[in-house]
Amino acid sequence: MIDDPLVNLAGEANEGYHDQRAVWSVASFFCGNRQGIMVRLKRAAWRLDSLPVNSI
């Protein structure tokens, strides 16, 4: 590990940048697939509703 403040700062900034990119990609994924996710949720709820009660 290098004890140079500038190197450490650059490393932290780089990690923060990657975290931000990950958050943005997750957010864009959810925004882009919101309708698909809603369809899947509705299908899952429909499957749960169609199951016999005693099988749960």
N, C-alpha and C. Protein backbone atom coordinates (compact mmCIF):
# COMPACT_ATOMS: atom_id res chain seq x y z
N MET A 1 0.85 -1.21 0.00
CA MET A 1 0.00 0.00 0.00
C MET A 1 0.88 1.24 0.00
N ILE A 2 0.59 2.16 -0.85
CA ILE A 2 1.39 3.38 -0.96
C ILE A 2 0.79 4.44 -0.04
N ASP A 3 1.64 5.10 0.73
CA ASP A 3 1.15 6.11 1.68
C ASP A 3 1.21 7.50 1.08
N ASP A 4 0.96 7.62 -0.19
CA ASP A 4 0.92 8.93 -0.84
C ASP A 4 -0.51 9.43 -0.81
N PRO A 5 -0.75 10.59 -0.21
CA PRO A 5 -2.14 11.09 -0.09
C PRO A 5 -2.83 11.23 -1.45
N LEU A 6 -2.09 11.68 -2.47
CA LEU A 6 -2.71 11.86 -3.79
C LEU A 6 -3.13 10.52 -4.38
N VAL A 7 -2.29 9.49 -4.21
CA VAL A 7 -2.62 8.18 -4.73
C VAL A 7 -3.84 7.62 -4.00
N ASN A 8 -3.86 7.79 -2.67
CA ASN A 8 -4.99 7.30 -1.89
C ASN A 8 -6.27 8.02 -2.30
N LEU A 9 -6.19 9.33 -2.49
CA LEU A 9 -7.35 10.12 -2.89
C LEU A 9 -7.85 9.66 -4.26
N ALA A 10 -6.91 9.43 -5.18
CA ALA A 10 -7.31 8.98 -6.51
C ALA A 10 -7.97 7.61 -6.42
N GLY A 11 -7.46 6.74 -5.57
CA GLY A 11 -8.06 5.42 -5.41
C GLY A 11 -9.46 5.52 -4.86
N GLU A 12 -9.66 6.37 -3.85
CA GLU A 12 -10.99 6.53 -3.27
C GLU A 12 -11.95 7.13 -4.29
N ALA A 13 -11.48 8.12 -5.05
CA ALA A 13 -12.34 8.74 -6.06
C ALA A 13 -12.71 7.70 -7.11
N ASN A 14 -11.76 6.85 -7.47
CA ASN A 14 -12.02 5.82 -8.48
C ASN A 14 -13.06 4.83 -7.95
N GLU A 15 -12.94 4.40 -6.69
CA GLU A 15 -13.92 3.48 -6.12
C GLU A 15 -15.30 4.13 -6.07
N GLY A 16 -15.35 5.41 -5.66
CA GLY A 16 -16.61 6.11 -5.62
C GLY A 16 -17.23 6.22 -7.00
N TYR A 17 -16.37 6.43 -8.00
CA TYR A 17 -16.88 6.53 -9.37
C TYR A 17 -17.49 5.20 -9.80
N HIS A 18 -16.81 4.11 -9.47
CA HIS A 18 -17.36 2.80 -9.85
C HIS A 18 -18.66 2.51 -9.10
N ASP A 19 -18.72 2.89 -7.82
CA ASP A 19 -19.97 2.71 -7.07
C ASP A 19 -21.09 3.49 -7.73
N GLN A 20 -20.79 4.73 -8.12
CA GLN A 20 -21.82 5.56 -8.74
C GLN A 20 -22.27 4.95 -10.06
N ARG A 21 -21.32 4.43 -10.82
CA ARG A 21 -21.70 3.78 -12.09
C ARG A 21 -22.57 2.57 -11.84
N ALA A 22 -22.24 1.82 -10.78
CA ALA A 22 -23.05 0.64 -10.47
C ALA A 22 -24.46 1.07 -10.09
N VAL A 23 -24.57 2.12 -9.27
CA VAL A 23 -25.90 2.60 -8.87
C VAL A 23 -26.67 3.06 -10.09
N TRP A 24 -26.00 3.79 -10.99
CA TRP A 24 -26.68 4.27 -12.18
C TRP A 24 -27.12 3.13 -13.07
N SER A 25 -26.26 2.11 -13.21
CA SER A 25 -26.64 1.00 -14.10
C SER A 25 -27.81 0.23 -13.51
N VAL A 26 -27.82 0.06 -12.18
CA VAL A 26 -28.94 -0.62 -11.54
C VAL A 26 -30.21 0.21 -11.70
N ALA A 27 -30.09 1.52 -11.48
CA ALA A 27 -31.26 2.40 -11.60
C ALA A 27 -31.79 2.39 -13.03
N SER A 28 -30.90 2.47 -14.00
CA SER A 28 -31.36 2.49 -15.40
C SER A 28 -31.95 1.14 -15.77
N PHE A 29 -31.38 0.06 -15.20
CA PHE A 29 -31.93 -1.27 -15.47
C PHE A 29 -33.36 -1.36 -14.96
N PHE A 30 -33.57 -0.86 -13.72
CA PHE A 30 -34.91 -0.95 -13.15
C PHE A 30 -35.87 -0.02 -13.88
N CYS A 31 -35.42 1.17 -14.25
CA CYS A 31 -36.29 2.09 -14.96
C CYS A 31 -36.62 1.53 -16.34
N GLY A 32 -35.63 0.94 -17.01
CA GLY A 32 -35.84 0.41 -18.35
C GLY A 32 -36.73 -0.82 -18.34
N ASN A 33 -36.64 -1.59 -17.27
CA ASN A 33 -37.38 -2.85 -17.22
C ASN A 33 -38.57 -2.78 -16.28
N ARG A 34 -39.00 -1.56 -15.96
CA ARG A 34 -40.08 -1.41 -14.99
C ARG A 34 -41.34 -2.15 -15.45
N GLN A 35 -41.68 -2.01 -16.74
CA GLN A 35 -42.88 -2.68 -17.24
C GLN A 35 -42.70 -4.18 -17.20
N GLY A 36 -41.52 -4.67 -17.58
CA GLY A 36 -41.27 -6.10 -17.54
C GLY A 36 -41.36 -6.63 -16.11
N ILE A 37 -40.84 -5.86 -15.16
CA ILE A 37 -40.90 -6.28 -13.76
C ILE A 37 -42.35 -6.31 -13.29
N MET A 38 -43.13 -5.30 -13.68
CA MET A 38 -44.54 -5.29 -13.27
C MET A 38 -45.27 -6.49 -13.86
N VAL A 39 -44.96 -6.83 -15.10
CA VAL A 39 -45.61 -7.99 -15.72
C VAL A 39 -45.25 -9.25 -14.94
N ARG A 40 -43.97 -9.38 -14.58
CA ARG A 40 -43.53 -10.56 -13.83
C ARG A 40 -44.21 -10.62 -12.47
N LEU A 41 -44.33 -9.46 -11.82
CA LEU A 41 -44.99 -9.44 -10.50
C LEU A 41 -46.45 -9.85 -10.63
N LYS A 42 -47.11 -9.35 -11.67
CA LYS A 42 -48.51 -9.71 -11.86
C LYS A 42 -48.65 -11.20 -12.14
N ARG A 43 -47.73 -11.74 -12.96
CA ARG A 43 -47.77 -13.17 -13.24
C ARG A 43 -47.55 -13.98 -11.97
N ALA A 44 -46.59 -13.54 -11.14
CA ALA A 44 -46.30 -14.27 -9.90
C ALA A 44 -47.51 -14.21 -8.98
N ALA A 45 -48.14 -13.04 -8.89
CA ALA A 45 -49.33 -12.90 -8.04
C ALA A 45 -50.46 -13.78 -8.58
N TRP A 46 -50.59 -13.82 -9.91
CA TRP A 46 -51.64 -14.64 -10.51
C TRP A 46 -51.40 -16.11 -10.20
N ARG A 47 -50.12 -16.54 -10.27
CA ARG A 47 -49.78 -17.92 -9.94
C ARG A 47 -50.12 -18.23 -8.49
N LEU A 48 -49.80 -17.30 -7.60
CA LEU A 48 -50.09 -17.52 -6.18
C LEU A 48 -51.59 -17.62 -5.97
N ASP A 49 -52.35 -16.75 -6.66
CA ASP A 49 -53.81 -16.77 -6.53
C ASP A 49 -54.39 -18.07 -7.08
N SER A 50 -53.77 -18.62 -8.10
CA SER A 50 -54.34 -19.80 -8.75
C SER A 50 -53.96 -21.10 -8.03
N LEU A 51 -53.01 -21.01 -7.07
CA LEU A 51 -52.64 -22.21 -6.33
C LEU A 51 -53.73 -22.60 -5.35
N PRO A 52 -53.95 -23.88 -5.15
CA PRO A 52 -54.87 -24.29 -4.08
C PRO A 52 -54.31 -23.87 -2.73
N VAL A 53 -55.16 -23.47 -1.84
CA VAL A 53 -54.70 -22.91 -0.56
C VAL A 53 -53.93 -23.95 0.24
N ASN A 54 -54.37 -25.22 0.19
CA ASN A 54 -53.73 -26.22 1.04
C ASN A 54 -52.36 -26.65 0.52
N SER A 55 -51.97 -26.22 -0.69
CA SER A 55 -50.66 -26.62 -1.21
C SER A 55 -49.56 -25.66 -0.76
N ILE A 56 -49.94 -24.53 -0.17
CA ILE A 56 -48.94 -23.53 0.25
C ILE A 56 -48.40 -23.92 1.62
